[in-house]
Amino acid sequence: ESGGGSVQAGGSLRLSCAFSGYTYSDNCMGWFRQAP
């Protein structure tokens, strides 16, 4: 993952996930988050 950072409320960010090593072409890819 990449693209995280600090912003003020109302701002925008774009996260990226670079992946490799798949054994089949169709996948389910998810974004999850966890706060303390």
PDB file of all heavy atoms in Angstrom:
ATOM      1  N   GLU A   1       0.831  -1.199   0.000  1.00  0.00           N
ATOM      2  CA  GLU A   1       0.000   0.000   0.000  1.00  0.00           C
ATOM      3  C   GLU A   1       0.871   1.257   0.000  1.00  0.00           C
ATOM      4  O   GLU A   1       1.993   1.254   0.512  1.00  0.00           O
ATOM      5  CB  GLU A   1      -0.919   0.048   1.226  1.00  0.00           C
ATOM      6  CG  GLU A   1      -1.848  -1.145   1.376  1.00  0.00           C
ATOM      7  CD  GLU A   1      -1.305  -2.179   2.335  1.00  0.00           C
ATOM      8  OE1 GLU A   1      -0.067  -2.274   2.491  1.00  0.00           O
ATOM      9  OE2 GLU A   1      -2.110  -2.898   2.948  1.00  0.00           O
ATOM     10  N   SER A   2       0.309   2.331  -0.537  1.00  0.00           N
ATOM     11  CA  SER A   2       0.967   3.625  -0.505  1.00  0.00           C
ATOM     12  C   SER A   2      -0.087   4.719  -0.634  1.00  0.00           C
ATOM     13  O   SER A   2      -1.233   4.448  -0.978  1.00  0.00           O
ATOM     14  CB  SER A   2       2.008   3.748  -1.618  1.00  0.00           C
ATOM     15  OG  SER A   2       1.401   3.654  -2.895  1.00  0.00           O
ATOM     16  N   GLY A   3       0.304   5.951  -0.362  1.00  0.00           N
ATOM     17  CA  GLY A   3      -0.580   7.088  -0.561  1.00  0.00           C
ATOM     18  C   GLY A   3      -1.173   7.683   0.699  1.00  0.00           C
ATOM     19  O   GLY A   3      -1.873   8.698   0.629  1.00  0.00           O
ATOM     20  N   GLY A   4      -0.924   7.086   1.851  1.00  0.00           N
ATOM     21  CA  GLY A   4      -1.452   7.632   3.085  1.00  0.00           C
ATOM     22  C   GLY A   4      -0.767   8.929   3.462  1.00  0.00           C
ATOM     23  O   GLY A   4       0.253   9.312   2.891  1.00  0.00           O
ATOM     24  N   GLY A   5      -1.345   9.617   4.441  1.00  0.00           N
ATOM     25  CA  GLY A   5      -0.790  10.878   4.898  1.00  0.00           C
ATOM     26  C   GLY A   5      -1.725  11.576   5.851  1.00  0.00           C
ATOM     27  O   GLY A   5      -2.705  10.999   6.314  1.00  0.00           O
ATOM     28  N   SER A   6      -1.418  12.825   6.142  1.00  0.00           N
ATOM     29  CA  SER A   6      -2.219  13.650   7.044  1.00  0.00           C
ATOM     30  C   SER A   6      -2.887  14.772   6.269  1.00  0.00           C
ATOM     31  O   SER A   6      -2.232  15.489   5.506  1.00  0.00           O
ATOM     32  CB  SER A   6      -1.338  14.233   8.150  1.00  0.00           C
ATOM     33  OG  SER A   6      -0.749  13.213   8.938  1.00  0.00           O
ATOM     34  N   VAL A   7      -4.198  14.915   6.467  1.00  0.00           N
ATOM     35  CA  VAL A   7      -4.967  15.959   5.798  1.00  0.00           C
ATOM     36  C   VAL A   7      -5.973  16.548   6.768  1.00  0.00           C
ATOM     37  O   VAL A   7      -6.301  15.948   7.796  1.00  0.00           O
ATOM     38  CB  VAL A   7      -5.716  15.438   4.551  1.00  0.00           C
ATOM     39  CG1 VAL A   7      -4.738  14.919   3.510  1.00  0.00           C
ATOM     40  CG2 VAL A   7      -6.701  14.341   4.951  1.00  0.00           C
ATOM     41  N   GLN A   8      -6.480  17.727   6.435  1.00  0.00           N
ATOM     42  CA  GLN A   8      -7.543  18.329   7.215  1.00  0.00           C
ATOM     43  C   GLN A   8      -8.895  17.788   6.775  1.00  0.00           C
ATOM     44  O   GLN A   8      -9.042  17.286   5.657  1.00  0.00           O
ATOM     45  CB  GLN A   8      -7.523  19.848   7.063  1.00  0.00           C
ATOM     46  CG  GLN A   8      -6.300  20.523   7.645  1.00  0.00           C
ATOM     47  CD  GLN A   8      -6.441  22.026   7.676  1.00  0.00           C
ATOM     48  OE1 GLN A   8      -7.206  22.571   8.479  1.00  0.00           O
ATOM     49  NE2 GLN A   8      -5.720  22.694   6.801  1.00  0.00           N
ATOM     50  N   ALA A   9      -9.872  17.875   7.646  1.00  0.00           N
ATOM     51  CA  ALA A   9     -11.219  17.440   7.312  1.00  0.00           C
ATOM     52  C   ALA A   9     -11.689  18.104   6.021  1.00  0.00           C
ATOM     53  O   ALA A   9     -11.479  19.301   5.820  1.00  0.00           O
ATOM     54  CB  ALA A   9     -12.170  17.764   8.452  1.00  0.00           C
ATOM     55  N   GLY A  10     -12.310  17.305   5.166  1.00  0.00           N
ATOM     56  CA  GLY A  10     -12.763  17.798   3.877  1.00  0.00           C
ATOM     57  C   GLY A  10     -11.774  17.568   2.759  1.00  0.00           C
ATOM     58  O   GLY A  10     -12.125  17.740   1.582  1.00  0.00           O
ATOM     59  N   GLY A  11     -10.567  17.168   3.087  1.00  0.00           N
ATOM     60  CA  GLY A  11      -9.543  16.928   2.094  1.00  0.00           C
ATOM     61  C   GLY A  11      -9.676  15.571   1.435  1.00  0.00           C
ATOM     62  O   GLY A  11     -10.589  14.798   1.730  1.00  0.00           O
ATOM     63  N   SER A  12      -8.725  15.272   0.543  1.00  0.00           N
ATOM     64  CA  SER A  12      -8.761  14.035  -0.230  1.00  0.00           C
ATOM     65  C   SER A  12      -7.411  13.342  -0.223  1.00  0.00           C
ATOM     66  O   SER A  12      -6.364  13.981  -0.107  1.00  0.00           O
ATOM     67  CB  SER A  12      -9.155  14.318  -1.685  1.00  0.00           C
ATOM     68  OG  SER A  12     -10.451  14.877  -1.781  1.00  0.00           O
ATOM     69  N   LEU A  13      -7.451  12.024  -0.369  1.00  0.00           N
ATOM     70  CA  LEU A  13      -6.270  11.202  -0.527  1.00  0.00           C
ATOM     71  C   LEU A  13      -6.602  10.067  -1.482  1.00  0.00           C
ATOM     72  O   LEU A  13      -7.756   9.651  -1.571  1.00  0.00           O
ATOM     73  CB  LEU A  13      -5.802  10.609   0.803  1.00  0.00           C
ATOM     74  CG  LEU A  13      -5.121  11.522   1.816  1.00  0.00           C
ATOM     75  CD1 LEU A  13      -4.921  10.771   3.129  1.00  0.00           C
ATOM     76  CD2 LEU A  13      -3.783  12.011   1.286  1.00  0.00           C
ATOM     77  N   ARG A  14      -5.596   9.566  -2.176  1.00  0.00           N
ATOM     78  CA  ARG A  14      -5.775   8.382  -3.000  1.00  0.00           C
ATOM     79  C   ARG A  14      -4.766   7.328  -2.576  1.00  0.00           C
ATOM     80  O   ARG A  14      -3.558   7.537  -2.665  1.00  0.00           O
ATOM     81  CB  ARG A  14      -5.609   8.679  -4.495  1.00  0.00           C
ATOM     82  CG  ARG A  14      -5.977   7.464  -5.368  1.00  0.00           C
ATOM     83  CD  ARG A  14      -5.912   7.752  -6.848  1.00  0.00           C
ATOM     84  NE  ARG A  14      -4.541   7.822  -7.337  1.00  0.00           N
ATOM     85  CZ  ARG A  14      -4.208   7.816  -8.618  1.00  0.00           C
ATOM     86  NH1 ARG A  14      -5.166   7.747  -9.551  1.00  0.00           N
ATOM     87  NH2 ARG A  14      -2.943   7.903  -8.974  1.00  0.00           N
ATOM     88  N   LEU A  15      -5.277   6.201  -2.120  1.00  0.00           N
ATOM     89  CA  LEU A  15      -4.446   5.086  -1.728  1.00  0.00           C
ATOM     90  C   LEU A  15      -4.252   4.137  -2.905  1.00  0.00           C
ATOM     91  O   LEU A  15      -5.160   3.957  -3.715  1.00  0.00           O
ATOM     92  CB  LEU A  15      -5.068   4.325  -0.556  1.00  0.00           C
ATOM     93  CG  LEU A  15      -5.452   5.144   0.674  1.00  0.00           C
ATOM     94  CD1 LEU A  15      -5.976   4.215   1.765  1.00  0.00           C
ATOM     95  CD2 LEU A  15      -4.280   5.964   1.174  1.00  0.00           C
ATOM     96  N   SER A  16      -3.083   3.537  -2.982  1.00  0.00           N
ATOM     97  CA  SER A  16      -2.782   2.584  -4.034  1.00  0.00           C
ATOM     98  C   SER A  16      -2.352   1.257  -3.423  1.00  0.00           C
ATOM     99  O   SER A  16      -1.715   1.229  -2.368  1.00  0.00           O
ATOM    100  CB  SER A  16      -1.665   3.108  -4.936  1.00  0.00           C
ATOM    101  OG  SER A  16      -2.048   4.299  -5.592  1.00  0.00           O
ATOM    102  N   CYS A  17      -2.698   0.185  -4.096  1.00  0.00           N
ATOM    103  CA  CYS A  17      -2.286  -1.151  -3.690  1.00  0.00           C
ATOM    104  C   CYS A  17      -1.699  -1.852  -4.903  1.00  0.00           C
ATOM    105  O   CYS A  17      -2.420  -2.162  -5.851  1.00  0.00           O
ATOM    106  CB  CYS A  17      -3.471  -1.939  -3.132  1.00  0.00           C
ATOM    107  SG  CYS A  17      -3.075  -3.645  -2.666  1.00  0.00           S
ATOM    108  N   ALA A  18      -0.407  -2.079  -4.871  1.00  0.00           N
ATOM    109  CA  ALA A  18       0.269  -2.807  -5.935  1.00  0.00           C
ATOM    110  C   ALA A  18       0.342  -4.276  -5.546  1.00  0.00           C
ATOM    111  O   ALA A  18       0.806  -4.602  -4.453  1.00  0.00           O
ATOM    112  CB  ALA A  18       1.665  -2.242  -6.169  1.00  0.00           C
ATOM    113  N   PHE A  19      -0.108  -5.149  -6.426  1.00  0.00           N
ATOM    114  CA  PHE A  19      -0.168  -6.561  -6.103  1.00  0.00           C
ATOM    115  C   PHE A  19       0.512  -7.411  -7.168  1.00  0.00           C
ATOM    116  O   PHE A  19       0.616  -7.027  -8.332  1.00  0.00           O
ATOM    117  CB  PHE A  19      -1.626  -7.019  -5.913  1.00  0.00           C
ATOM    118  CG  PHE A  19      -2.512  -6.773  -7.110  1.00  0.00           C
ATOM    119  CD1 PHE A  19      -2.701  -7.746  -8.073  1.00  0.00           C
ATOM    120  CD2 PHE A  19      -3.172  -5.563  -7.259  1.00  0.00           C
ATOM    121  CE1 PHE A  19      -3.520  -7.522  -9.165  1.00  0.00           C
ATOM    122  CE2 PHE A  19      -3.991  -5.313  -8.348  1.00  0.00           C
ATOM    123  CZ  PHE A  19      -4.164  -6.304  -9.307  1.00  0.00           C
ATOM    124  N   SER A  20       0.961  -8.587  -6.752  1.00  0.00           N
ATOM    125  CA  SER A  20       1.638  -9.512  -7.652  1.00  0.00           C
ATOM    126  C   SER A  20       1.514 -10.928  -7.116  1.00  0.00           C
ATOM    127  O   SER A  20       1.172 -11.137  -5.953  1.00  0.00           O
ATOM    128  CB  SER A  20       3.113  -9.138  -7.808  1.00  0.00           C
ATOM    129  OG  SER A  20       3.790  -9.237  -6.566  1.00  0.00           O
ATOM    130  N   GLY A  21       1.798 -11.897  -7.976  1.00  0.00           N
ATOM    131  CA  GLY A  21       1.834 -13.285  -7.549  1.00  0.00           C
ATOM    132  C   GLY A  21       0.503 -14.017  -7.566  1.00  0.00           C
ATOM    133  O   GLY A  21       0.388 -15.083  -6.956  1.00  0.00           O
ATOM    134  N   TYR A  22      -0.502 -13.506  -8.267  1.00  0.00           N
ATOM    135  CA  TYR A  22      -1.796 -14.168  -8.323  1.00  0.00           C
ATOM    136  C   TYR A  22      -1.731 -15.422  -9.181  1.00  0.00           C
ATOM    137  O   TYR A  22      -1.048 -15.449 -10.211  1.00  0.00           O
ATOM    138  CB  TYR A  22      -2.865 -13.233  -8.882  1.00  0.00           C
ATOM    139  CG  TYR A  22      -3.172 -12.070  -7.982  1.00  0.00           C
ATOM    140  CD1 TYR A  22      -2.631 -10.811  -8.246  1.00  0.00           C
ATOM    141  CD2 TYR A  22      -3.989 -12.223  -6.874  1.00  0.00           C
ATOM    142  CE1 TYR A  22      -2.903  -9.744  -7.418  1.00  0.00           C
ATOM    143  CE2 TYR A  22      -4.262 -11.149  -6.044  1.00  0.00           C
ATOM    144  CZ  TYR A  22      -3.721  -9.921  -6.315  1.00  0.00           C
ATOM    145  OH  TYR A  22      -3.993  -8.859  -5.486  1.00  0.00           O
ATOM    146  N   THR A  23      -2.467 -16.443  -8.757  1.00  0.00           N
ATOM    147  CA  THR A  23      -2.513 -17.697  -9.493  1.00  0.00           C
ATOM    148  C   THR A  23      -3.720 -17.790 -10.416  1.00  0.00           C
ATOM    149  O   THR A  23      -3.826 -18.738 -11.186  1.00  0.00           O
ATOM    150  CB  THR A  23      -2.520 -18.893  -8.531  1.00  0.00           C
ATOM    151  OG1 THR A  23      -3.652 -18.809  -7.656  1.00  0.00           O
ATOM    152  CG2 THR A  23      -1.250 -18.912  -7.703  1.00  0.00           C
ATOM    153  N   TYR A  24      -4.632 -16.810 -10.353  1.00  0.00           N
ATOM    154  CA  TYR A  24      -5.787 -16.750 -11.229  1.00  0.00           C
ATOM    155  C   TYR A  24      -6.102 -15.283 -11.514  1.00  0.00           C
ATOM    156  O   TYR A  24      -5.707 -14.399 -10.755  1.00  0.00           O
ATOM    157  CB  TYR A  24      -7.004 -17.467 -10.636  1.00  0.00           C
ATOM    158  CG  TYR A  24      -7.263 -17.157  -9.185  1.00  0.00           C
ATOM    159  CD1 TYR A  24      -8.083 -16.111  -8.808  1.00  0.00           C
ATOM    160  CD2 TYR A  24      -6.677 -17.939  -8.183  1.00  0.00           C
ATOM    161  CE1 TYR A  24      -8.317 -15.833  -7.476  1.00  0.00           C
ATOM    162  CE2 TYR A  24      -6.900 -17.668  -6.852  1.00  0.00           C
ATOM    163  CZ  TYR A  24      -7.727 -16.612  -6.500  1.00  0.00           C
ATOM    164  OH  TYR A  24      -7.955 -16.345  -5.168  1.00  0.00           O
ATOM    165  N   SER A  25      -6.819 -15.033 -12.588  1.00  0.00           N
ATOM    166  CA  SER A  25      -7.009 -13.666 -13.051  1.00  0.00           C
ATOM    167  C   SER A  25      -8.088 -12.885 -12.309  1.00  0.00           C
ATOM    168  O   SER A  25      -7.947 -11.673 -12.123  1.00  0.00           O
ATOM    169  CB  SER A  25      -7.320 -13.660 -14.549  1.00  0.00           C
ATOM    170  OG  SER A  25      -8.498 -14.402 -14.829  1.00  0.00           O
ATOM    171  N   ASP A  26      -9.161 -13.540 -11.896  1.00  0.00           N
ATOM    172  CA  ASP A  26     -10.272 -12.861 -11.231  1.00  0.00           C
ATOM    173  C   ASP A  26     -10.117 -12.949  -9.717  1.00  0.00           C
ATOM    174  O   ASP A  26      -9.984 -14.033  -9.164  1.00  0.00           O
ATOM    175  CB  ASP A  26     -11.604 -13.467 -11.650  1.00  0.00           C
ATOM    176  CG  ASP A  26     -11.875 -13.314 -13.141  1.00  0.00           C
ATOM    177  OD1 ASP A  26     -11.277 -12.423 -13.763  1.00  0.00           O
ATOM    178  OD2 ASP A  26     -12.686 -14.096 -13.673  1.00  0.00           O
ATOM    179  N   ASN A  27     -10.165 -11.795  -9.070  1.00  0.00           N
ATOM    180  CA  ASN A  27      -9.960 -11.729  -7.624  1.00  0.00           C
ATOM    181  C   ASN A  27     -10.957 -10.797  -6.960  1.00  0.00           C
ATOM    182  O   ASN A  27     -11.524  -9.913  -7.595  1.00  0.00           O
ATOM    183  CB  ASN A  27      -8.547 -11.225  -7.312  1.00  0.00           C
ATOM    184  CG  ASN A  27      -7.467 -12.093  -7.894  1.00  0.00           C
ATOM    185  OD1 ASN A  27      -7.167 -13.159  -7.357  1.00  0.00           O
ATOM    186  ND2 ASN A  27      -6.879 -11.646  -8.997  1.00  0.00           N
ATOM    187  N   CYS A  28     -11.143 -11.007  -5.668  1.00  0.00           N
ATOM    188  CA  CYS A  28     -11.855 -10.066  -4.826  1.00  0.00           C
ATOM    189  C   CYS A  28     -10.804  -9.342  -3.996  1.00  0.00           C
ATOM    190  O   CYS A  28     -10.092  -9.973  -3.204  1.00  0.00           O
ATOM    191  CB  CYS A  28     -12.849 -10.794  -3.917  1.00  0.00           C
ATOM    192  SG  CYS A  28     -13.843  -9.707  -2.876  1.00  0.00           S
ATOM    193  N   MET A  29     -10.691  -8.052  -4.206  1.00  0.00           N
ATOM    194  CA  MET A  29      -9.722  -7.250  -3.483  1.00  0.00           C
ATOM    195  C   MET A  29     -10.436  -6.259  -2.588  1.00  0.00           C
ATOM    196  O   MET A  29     -11.328  -5.548  -3.039  1.00  0.00           O
ATOM    197  CB  MET A  29      -8.800  -6.508  -4.452  1.00  0.00           C
ATOM    198  CG  MET A  29      -8.011  -7.436  -5.351  1.00  0.00           C
ATOM    199  SD  MET A  29      -6.624  -6.609  -6.160  1.00  0.00           S
ATOM    200  CE  MET A  29      -5.603  -6.225  -4.725  1.00  0.00           C
ATOM    201  N   GLY A  30     -10.032  -6.215  -1.334  1.00  0.00           N
ATOM    202  CA  GLY A  30     -10.701  -5.362  -0.368  1.00  0.00           C
ATOM    203  C   GLY A  30      -9.774  -4.358   0.281  1.00  0.00           C
ATOM    204  O   GLY A  30      -8.561  -4.578   0.388  1.00  0.00           O
ATOM    205  N   TRP A  31     -10.359  -3.247   0.704  1.00  0.00           N
ATOM    206  CA  TRP A  31      -9.686  -2.265   1.542  1.00  0.00           C
ATOM    207  C   TRP A  31     -10.320  -2.323   2.927  1.00  0.00           C
ATOM    208  O   TRP A  31     -11.553  -2.261   3.053  1.00  0.00           O
ATOM    209  CB  TRP A  31      -9.812  -0.854   0.979  1.00  0.00           C
ATOM    210  CG  TRP A  31      -8.863  -0.552  -0.132  1.00  0.00           C
ATOM    211  CD1 TRP A  31      -9.112  -0.596  -1.465  1.00  0.00           C
ATOM    212  CD2 TRP A  31      -7.504  -0.134   0.003  1.00  0.00           C
ATOM    213  NE1 TRP A  31      -7.995  -0.237  -2.179  1.00  0.00           N
ATOM    214  CE2 TRP A  31      -6.986   0.053  -1.297  1.00  0.00           C
ATOM    215  CE3 TRP A  31      -6.665   0.097   1.096  1.00  0.00           C
ATOM    216  CZ2 TRP A  31      -5.675   0.459  -1.541  1.00  0.00           C
ATOM    217  CZ3 TRP A  31      -5.355   0.501   0.847  1.00  0.00           C
ATOM    218  CH2 TRP A  31      -4.877   0.676  -0.455  1.00  0.00           C
ATOM    219  N   PHE A  32      -9.489  -2.450   3.941  1.00  0.00           N
ATOM    220  CA  PHE A  32      -9.926  -2.478   5.327  1.00  0.00           C
ATOM    221  C   PHE A  32      -9.210  -1.378   6.093  1.00  0.00           C
ATOM    222  O   PHE A  32      -8.168  -0.884   5.669  1.00  0.00           O
ATOM    223  CB  PHE A  32      -9.620  -3.835   5.963  1.00  0.00           C
ATOM    224  CG  PHE A  32     -10.457  -4.972   5.435  1.00  0.00           C
ATOM    225  CD1 PHE A  32     -10.202  -5.529   4.192  1.00  0.00           C
ATOM    226  CD2 PHE A  32     -11.501  -5.489   6.191  1.00  0.00           C
ATOM    227  CE1 PHE A  32     -10.962  -6.571   3.699  1.00  0.00           C
ATOM    228  CE2 PHE A  32     -12.271  -6.538   5.715  1.00  0.00           C
ATOM    229  CZ  PHE A  32     -12.009  -7.072   4.470  1.00  0.00           C
ATOM    230  N   ARG A  33      -9.764  -1.019   7.236  1.00  0.00           N
ATOM    231  CA  ARG A  33      -9.103  -0.034   8.084  1.00  0.00           C
ATOM    232  C   ARG A  33      -9.263  -0.420   9.543  1.00  0.00           C
ATOM    233  O   ARG A  33     -10.216  -1.093   9.933  1.00  0.00           O
ATOM    234  CB  ARG A  33      -9.647   1.371   7.842  1.00  0.00           C
ATOM    235  CG  ARG A  33     -11.099   1.576   8.257  1.00  0.00           C
ATOM    236  CD  ARG A  33     -11.576   2.958   7.840  1.00  0.00           C
ATOM    237  NE  ARG A  33     -12.953   3.212   8.237  1.00  0.00           N
ATOM    238  CZ  ARG A  33     -13.648   4.279   7.880  1.00  0.00           C
ATOM    239  NH1 ARG A  33     -13.092   5.211   7.095  1.00  0.00           N
ATOM    240  NH2 ARG A  33     -14.904   4.438   8.289  1.00  0.00           N
ATOM    241  N   GLN A  34      -8.315   0.026  10.345  1.00  0.00           N
ATOM    242  CA  GLN A  34      -8.354  -0.269  11.767  1.00  0.00           C
ATOM    243  C   GLN A  34      -7.800   0.912  12.555  1.00  0.00           C
ATOM    244  O   GLN A  34      -6.661   1.317  12.358  1.00  0.00           O
ATOM    245  CB  GLN A  34      -7.552  -1.531  12.082  1.00  0.00           C
ATOM    246  CG  GLN A  34      -7.673  -1.983  13.528  1.00  0.00           C
ATOM    247  CD  GLN A  34      -7.124  -3.382  13.743  1.00  0.00           C
ATOM    248  OE1 GLN A  34      -6.313  -3.868  12.960  1.00  0.00           O
ATOM    249  NE2 GLN A  34      -7.574  -4.036  14.792  1.00  0.00           N
ATOM    250  N   ALA A  35      -8.627   1.445  13.437  1.00  0.00           N
ATOM    251  CA  ALA A  35      -8.222   2.508  14.338  1.00  0.00           C
ATOM    252  C   ALA A  35      -7.802   1.901  15.669  1.00  0.00           C
ATOM    253  O   ALA A  35      -8.235   0.796  16.014  1.00  0.00           O
ATOM    254  CB  ALA A  35      -9.374   3.492  14.538  1.00  0.00           C
ATOM    255  N   PRO A  36      -6.976   2.600  16.438  1.00  0.00           N
ATOM    256  CA  PRO A  36      -6.540   2.071  17.733  1.00  0.00           C
ATOM    257  C   PRO A  36      -7.716   1.694  18.624  1.00  0.00           C
ATOM    258  O   PRO A  36      -8.658   2.469  18.784  1.00  0.00           O
ATOM    259  CB  PRO A  36      -5.740   3.228  18.332  1.00  0.00           C
ATOM    260  CG  PRO A  36      -5.222   3.970  17.147  1.00  0.00           C
ATOM    261  CD  PRO A  36      -6.344   3.891  16.136  1.00  0.00           C
TER     262      PRO A  36
END
